[in-house]
Amino acid sequence: MATEYRGYPGSSLIMGRGICLALLLGLLAACASQPQNNGRLTPAEANTRLGFEYLQRGDYETALAKFRKALAANPRRADTHHYLAELYRRTGDPRRSRNEYQQALKLAPKDAMILRNYAIFLCGQGDYREAMAAFKQAARDYQGLQRAANYEQAGLCAMQAHDWSAAEESFRAALQEKATAANALYQLARLSVRKGAYLKARAFLQRLLAVHAASDKVLQLGIEIETALDNPLAVANYRRQLAVLGKASSRANGKGDGHD
């Protein structure tokens, strides 16, 4: 069952047993097979593409049939094995999902996208050590913003494993790639609170609020930090922002009282 994503509040990502489903689906979509042979699809390409479309619709039986046809035509397509791994993950067959990921990586060992999705899968299975190794391997092949997102996912995985040191290292690496990475800034603030380093937590939260809109959880974290630092003016400011945000949310949901 999916639970709320514990990254930067306001993110659209959803966590399900540690797997960032929205991210995973986005990466799969970006991986969709491209036509070759002057725009004409081979049977393997055509069935892989059709299988992916059915996979997105949730028609797993038809998707499976298309992927099997694709592999019968060309068993060495890494993307087909990659999508098949996702199908088995969705249908509750982690053993086959793992096997398909491993087959995909045998065919494309330096494909950073497959590596990161495999790492997300492993984290969801609780195989944290292997997941972190896959994240690190993916980071070597990613560049720029993709590398930052990869480090953020590695940090979230480390937090699931309660490896706070590895989590902090990953989030700081994300900031090296993208100084405004929202998840990294938010989680580093939380980790700093956990260590009692409230001044550092304040600094991370201020950096976050300088470039991203506030959410209720961010404001609540600000209240916690400023309360610990005995700063009643800052606490009052965060509380005012939280009240304004709550009123705006109520109006957007049609729950206002009709008065200004």
Foldseek 3Di string as FASTA:
>chain_A
DWDDDPFQPPDPFIADLQFRVVVLLVLLVVVQDAADDVRDHDLLNVLLNVLNVCVVVVVLVSSVVSLVRSCVVPVLALSSLLVVLVSCVVVPNNVSSLVSLVSSCVSVVQPLSSLLNNLSSCLSVVVLVVSLVSLVSSLVNDAAQVNLVSLLSNLSSCVVVVVLVSNLVSLVVSCVRPVQPQRSLQVVLVSCVVVVNLVSSVVSLVSNVVPDPDDLVSLVSQLVSCVSVVNVVSNVVSVVVNVVNVQVVCVVVVNDPPDD
